[in-house]
Protein backbone atom coordinates (compact mmCIF):
# COMPACT_ATOMS: atom_id res chain seq x y z
CA MET A 1 0.00 0.00 0.00
CA THR A 2 0.99 3.58 -0.58
CA ALA A 3 -0.09 6.46 1.64
CA ALA A 4 -0.27 10.16 0.81
CA PHE A 5 -0.16 12.81 3.52
CA PHE A 6 -1.83 16.14 2.80
CA THR A 7 -2.23 19.49 4.48
CA ALA A 8 -5.37 20.96 2.94
CA GLN A 9 -6.00 24.61 3.72
CA ASN A 10 -9.34 26.30 3.18
CA SER A 11 -8.59 29.92 2.31
CA SER A 12 -12.21 30.68 1.37
CA ASP A 13 -14.91 32.16 3.55
CA ARG A 14 -17.11 29.02 3.35
CA PRO A 15 -16.59 25.48 4.66
CA LEU A 16 -15.10 23.07 2.10
CA ALA A 17 -15.52 19.32 1.95
CA TRP A 18 -12.42 17.13 2.14
CA ARG A 19 -13.09 13.81 0.40
CA GLY A 20 -9.65 12.23 0.41
CA ARG A 21 -10.57 8.62 -0.28
CA SER A 22 -12.92 9.31 -3.16
CA ASN A 23 -11.10 12.32 -4.65
CA THR A 24 -7.50 11.07 -4.53
CA SER A 25 -6.01 9.04 -7.36
CA PHE A 26 -2.57 7.45 -7.32
CA VAL A 27 -0.91 7.22 -10.75
CA GLY A 28 1.16 4.07 -11.24
CA ASP A 29 4.16 3.73 -13.52
CA ASP A 30 1.94 1.34 -15.50
CA GLY A 31 -0.29 4.31 -16.46
CA PHE A 32 -3.27 3.15 -14.39
CA LEU A 33 -5.06 5.14 -11.68
CA TYR A 34 -5.50 3.56 -8.25
CA GLN A 35 -8.13 5.06 -5.98
CA GLY A 36 -8.13 5.66 -2.25
CA SER A 37 -9.16 2.83 0.04
CA ASN A 38 -11.58 2.51 2.96
CA VAL A 39 -8.90 0.66 4.92
CA LEU A 40 -8.43 3.57 7.37
CA ARG A 41 -12.12 4.12 8.13
CA PRO A 42 -12.45 1.55 10.93
CA HIS A 43 -9.08 2.64 12.40
CA ALA A 44 -9.44 6.41 11.96
CA ALA A 45 -9.83 7.00 15.70
CA ASN A 46 -6.44 5.31 16.24
CA LEU A 47 -4.54 7.82 14.09
CA PRO A 48 -2.56 10.49 15.95
CA SER A 49 -4.99 13.31 16.78
CA ARG A 50 -3.68 15.72 14.16
CA TRP A 51 -4.33 13.31 11.25
CA CYS A 52 -7.69 12.76 9.57
CA GLY A 53 -8.36 9.50 7.72
CA THR A 54 -12.00 10.13 6.85
CA ASP A 55 -14.10 12.70 5.01
CA ALA A 56 -14.37 16.02 6.81
CA GLU A 57 -15.49 19.61 6.48
CA ILE A 58 -12.70 22.21 6.63
CA PRO A 59 -13.92 25.45 8.24
CA PRO A 60 -12.96 28.77 6.60
CA ASN A 61 -9.34 29.84 7.06
CA LEU A 62 -8.33 26.58 8.73
CA ALA A 63 -6.29 23.59 7.56
CA LEU A 64 -6.62 19.83 7.84
CA ASP A 65 -3.85 17.22 7.98
CA ALA A 66 -5.11 14.14 6.16
CA VAL A 67 -3.85 10.74 5.12
CA VAL A 68 -5.14 8.67 2.20
CA VAL A 69 -4.15 5.05 1.52
CA THR A 70 -4.38 3.37 -1.89
CA GLN A 71 -6.42 0.39 -2.80
CA THR A 72 -4.25 -2.61 -3.60
CA VAL A 73 -1.56 -1.83 -6.15
CA PRO A 74 -0.19 -4.76 -8.17
CA GLU A 75 3.25 -6.00 -7.21
CA GLY A 76 5.96 -4.34 -9.26
CA VAL A 77 3.96 -1.14 -9.83
CA SER A 78 5.38 2.06 -8.34
CA ILE A 79 3.26 5.12 -7.65
CA GLU A 80 4.66 8.12 -9.55
CA LYS A 81 2.07 10.84 -8.95
CA VAL A 82 -0.86 11.69 -6.73
CA VAL A 83 -3.90 13.63 -7.98
CA TYR A 84 -6.49 15.30 -5.74
CA THR A 85 -9.71 16.68 -7.25
CA GLN A 86 -11.44 19.41 -5.24
CA SER A 87 -14.89 20.84 -5.84
CA GLY A 88 -15.15 24.51 -4.97
CA PRO A 89 -18.11 26.21 -3.30
CA ASP A 90 -19.05 27.77 -6.66
CA GLY A 91 -19.27 24.36 -8.36
CA SER A 92 -15.87 24.65 -10.05
CA THR A 93 -13.46 21.71 -10.07
CA GLU A 94 -9.72 21.95 -9.54
CA ARG A 95 -7.19 19.15 -9.84
CA TYR A 96 -3.91 19.19 -7.99
CA LEU A 97 -1.09 17.00 -9.30
CA PHE A 98 1.76 16.03 -6.99
CA ASP A 99 4.89 14.44 -8.43
CA ILE A 100 6.92 12.17 -6.21
CA ARG A 101 10.36 13.68 -6.41
CA PRO A 102 13.12 11.38 -7.73
CA ARG A 103 15.12 11.51 -4.49
CA LEU A 104 12.06 10.58 -2.46
CA ARG A 105 11.17 7.87 -5.00
CA GLU A 106 14.56 6.19 -4.41
CA THR A 107 13.95 6.23 -0.66
CA LEU A 108 10.50 4.68 -1.06
CA ASP A 109 11.83 1.94 -3.34
CA ARG A 110 14.67 0.99 -1.00
CA VAL A 111 13.96 -1.97 1.22
CA PRO A 112 14.67 -1.02 4.85
CA TYR A 113 16.49 -4.28 5.52
CA GLU A 114 18.00 -7.22 3.70
CA ARG A 115 15.15 -9.64 3.16
CA ASP A 116 17.33 -12.71 2.67
CA ARG A 117 19.75 -11.91 5.45
CA LYS A 118 20.44 -14.95 7.58
CA GLU A 119 21.46 -14.54 11.16
CA PRO A 120 24.65 -16.40 12.12
CA ARG A 121 24.02 -19.63 13.93
CA GLU A 122 25.62 -20.22 17.28
């Protein structure tokens, strides 16, 4: 699974809806879009208090820290971009495209340990 962490700020004078799971798409290096998952919904209360894992309303001039997790991504597929689609209070639609920077991409692809490492026997 891949997770995206957002800080969404509402700079308007009306509340805005945050719909992370349904409005976030993860773009794989295979060219396919992978949508957000409901996997966090039952565990949302267990997230640190500053993070939101569900839909929410953002009051005017405030911000929300949110996390969105992908649906299952096939093995061997890397996520290259994240797209969030926001509906404005006037009915307009804006899309925000986030590239995963190459340096960060290398860090995400690196395995944190040697999988086949065998401990010495005593």
